[in-house]
Amino acid sequence: MSTPAVKIRNVGPKSAAWLRQVGVRSTEDLARVGPVDAFLKVKRAGFRPTLNLLYSMAGALADCHWAELPEDHKQELLRDLEAAESAHPIQTRWERQKAASEDAAAAEASDVERESAEGAAAAQQDDRGLSRFD
């Protein structure tokens, strides 16, 4: 039997579904993770949250409506978000695919170079009259 969903203040059904998918199911989970990290988890999962979600989660932790958050608190959240995103930039799906493709191409080129070097070493041994089987 599943446990009933716990409503996080200020968070609508769509945002709540996003949060559940990244493991934030209650206000306690939100307090543990923090609004900035929860927001980034949602973004990294491929969703497109607006800053209203960030403010809503901060309001939930402050037990107030997100619009009642003081402007300096909102600015602090934005600074924290910017710092966190700078430290660990979020890649789009296309950027991740491009990086994976480049990694695969580099690995393939490395394999070709290694095989070429092994072939050259074997040829050098053959030139000295030695066989690989001697």
Protein backbone atom coordinates (compact mmCIF):
# COMPACT_ATOMS: atom_id res chain seq x y z
CA MET A 1 0.00 0.00 0.00
CA SER A 2 1.49 3.38 -0.96
CA THR A 3 1.69 6.28 1.42
CA PRO A 4 -0.49 9.27 0.60
CA ALA A 5 1.21 12.23 -1.04
CA VAL A 6 2.11 15.03 1.34
CA LYS A 7 1.36 18.46 -0.07
CA ILE A 8 4.19 20.95 0.01
CA ARG A 9 2.86 24.45 0.55
CA ASN A 10 2.82 26.71 -2.56
CA VAL A 11 3.62 23.79 -4.91
CA GLY A 12 1.06 22.88 -7.54
CA PRO A 13 0.40 19.40 -8.94
CA LYS A 14 2.79 19.64 -11.91
CA SER A 15 5.69 20.92 -9.80
CA ALA A 16 4.88 18.38 -7.09
CA ALA A 17 5.15 15.60 -9.70
CA TRP A 18 8.54 16.95 -10.81
CA LEU A 19 9.73 17.07 -7.20
CA ARG A 20 8.52 13.53 -6.52
CA GLN A 21 10.50 12.31 -9.52
CA VAL A 22 13.70 13.75 -8.01
CA GLY A 23 12.98 12.36 -4.53
CA VAL A 24 11.46 15.41 -2.83
CA ARG A 25 8.12 14.20 -1.52
CA SER A 26 7.57 16.24 1.64
CA THR A 27 8.49 19.47 3.35
CA GLU A 28 11.00 17.45 5.39
CA ASP A 29 12.66 16.23 2.18
CA LEU A 30 12.68 19.82 0.90
CA ALA A 31 14.28 21.08 4.13
CA ARG A 32 16.94 18.37 3.89
CA VAL A 33 17.78 19.09 0.23
CA GLY A 34 17.17 22.84 0.23
CA PRO A 35 15.22 24.84 -2.34
CA VAL A 36 18.20 25.62 -4.60
CA ASP A 37 19.36 22.00 -4.84
CA ALA A 38 15.79 20.77 -5.30
CA PHE A 39 15.31 23.31 -8.10
CA LEU A 40 18.53 22.14 -9.77
CA LYS A 41 17.53 18.49 -9.43
CA VAL A 42 14.30 19.30 -11.26
CA LYS A 43 16.23 21.12 -14.02
CA ARG A 44 18.78 18.33 -14.34
CA ALA A 45 15.95 15.81 -14.65
CA GLY A 46 14.99 17.59 -17.89
CA PHE A 47 12.06 19.66 -16.66
CA ARG A 48 11.83 23.40 -17.24
CA PRO A 49 10.91 25.02 -13.94
CA THR A 50 10.57 28.76 -13.56
CA LEU A 51 11.93 30.79 -10.68
CA ASN A 52 8.44 30.68 -9.19
CA LEU A 53 9.17 27.07 -8.19
CA LEU A 54 12.32 28.18 -6.40
CA TYR A 55 10.43 30.92 -4.58
CA SER A 56 7.52 28.58 -3.83
CA MET A 57 9.81 26.06 -2.17
CA ALA A 58 11.56 28.77 -0.16
CA GLY A 59 8.15 30.08 0.89
CA ALA A 60 7.10 26.58 1.94
CA LEU A 61 10.15 26.36 4.20
CA ALA A 62 9.46 29.84 5.59
CA ASP A 63 5.78 28.90 6.03
CA CYS A 64 4.56 31.79 3.89
CA HIS A 65 3.19 32.39 0.40
CA TRP A 66 6.02 32.70 -2.10
CA ALA A 67 4.98 36.26 -2.99
CA GLU A 68 5.53 37.25 0.64
CA LEU A 69 9.21 36.32 0.57
CA PRO A 70 11.33 39.40 1.22
CA GLU A 71 13.15 40.70 -1.85
CA ASP A 72 16.55 40.22 -0.18
CA HIS A 73 15.72 36.52 0.38
CA LYS A 74 14.80 36.15 -3.30
CA GLN A 75 18.07 37.83 -4.29
CA GLU A 76 20.01 35.50 -2.00
CA LEU A 77 18.27 32.50 -3.59
CA LEU A 78 19.22 33.79 -7.05
CA ARG A 79 22.86 34.26 -6.00
CA ASP A 80 22.96 30.75 -4.55
CA LEU A 81 21.37 29.33 -7.70
CA GLU A 82 23.82 31.15 -9.96
CA ALA A 83 26.79 29.94 -7.89
CA ALA A 84 25.54 26.36 -7.92
CA GLU A 85 24.91 26.42 -11.67
CA SER A 86 28.36 27.93 -12.30
CA ALA A 87 30.03 25.24 -10.20
CA HIS A 88 28.17 22.44 -12.02
CA PRO A 89 26.72 23.67 -15.33
CA ILE A 90 23.61 21.93 -16.55
CA GLN A 91 23.96 20.39 -19.98
CA THR A 92 21.04 20.07 -22.34
CA ARG A 93 20.22 16.66 -23.75
CA TRP A 94 21.92 17.67 -27.01
CA GLU A 95 25.07 18.83 -25.20
CA ARG A 96 25.22 15.52 -23.31
CA GLN A 97 24.77 13.57 -26.58
CA LYS A 98 27.49 15.64 -28.29
CA ALA A 99 29.90 15.07 -25.37
CA ALA A 100 29.18 11.34 -25.39
CA SER A 101 29.73 11.22 -29.16
CA GLU A 102 33.03 13.11 -28.83
CA ASP A 103 34.12 10.77 -26.03
CA ALA A 104 33.31 7.74 -28.18
CA ALA A 105 35.22 9.22 -31.15
CA ALA A 106 38.24 9.95 -28.93
CA ALA A 107 38.17 6.40 -27.54
CA GLU A 108 37.97 4.99 -31.07
CA ALA A 109 40.91 7.15 -32.21
CA SER A 110 42.89 5.98 -29.18
CA ASP A 111 42.15 2.34 -30.06
CA VAL A 112 43.28 2.93 -33.66
CA GLU A 113 46.52 4.56 -32.43
CA ARG A 114 47.17 1.69 -30.02
CA GLU A 115 46.56 -0.92 -32.72
CA SER A 116 48.82 0.98 -35.10
CA ALA A 117 51.59 1.12 -32.47
CA GLU A 118 51.21 -2.60 -31.78
CA GLY A 119 51.42 -3.32 -35.50
CA ALA A 120 54.56 -1.20 -35.82
CA ALA A 121 56.16 -3.01 -32.88
CA ALA A 122 55.33 -6.37 -34.43
CA ALA A 123 56.78 -5.29 -37.78
CA GLN A 124 59.93 -4.09 -36.06
CA GLN A 125 60.28 -7.49 -34.38
CA ASP A 126 59.82 -9.22 -37.75
CA ASP A 127 62.51 -6.96 -39.25
CA ARG A 128 64.98 -8.27 -36.66
CA GLY A 129 64.26 -11.80 -37.84
CA LEU A 130 62.22 -12.65 -34.81
CA SER A 131 58.82 -14.15 -34.90
CA ARG A 132 56.11 -13.39 -32.37
CA PHE A 133 55.98 -17.13 -31.82
CA ASP A 134 59.70 -17.62 -30.97
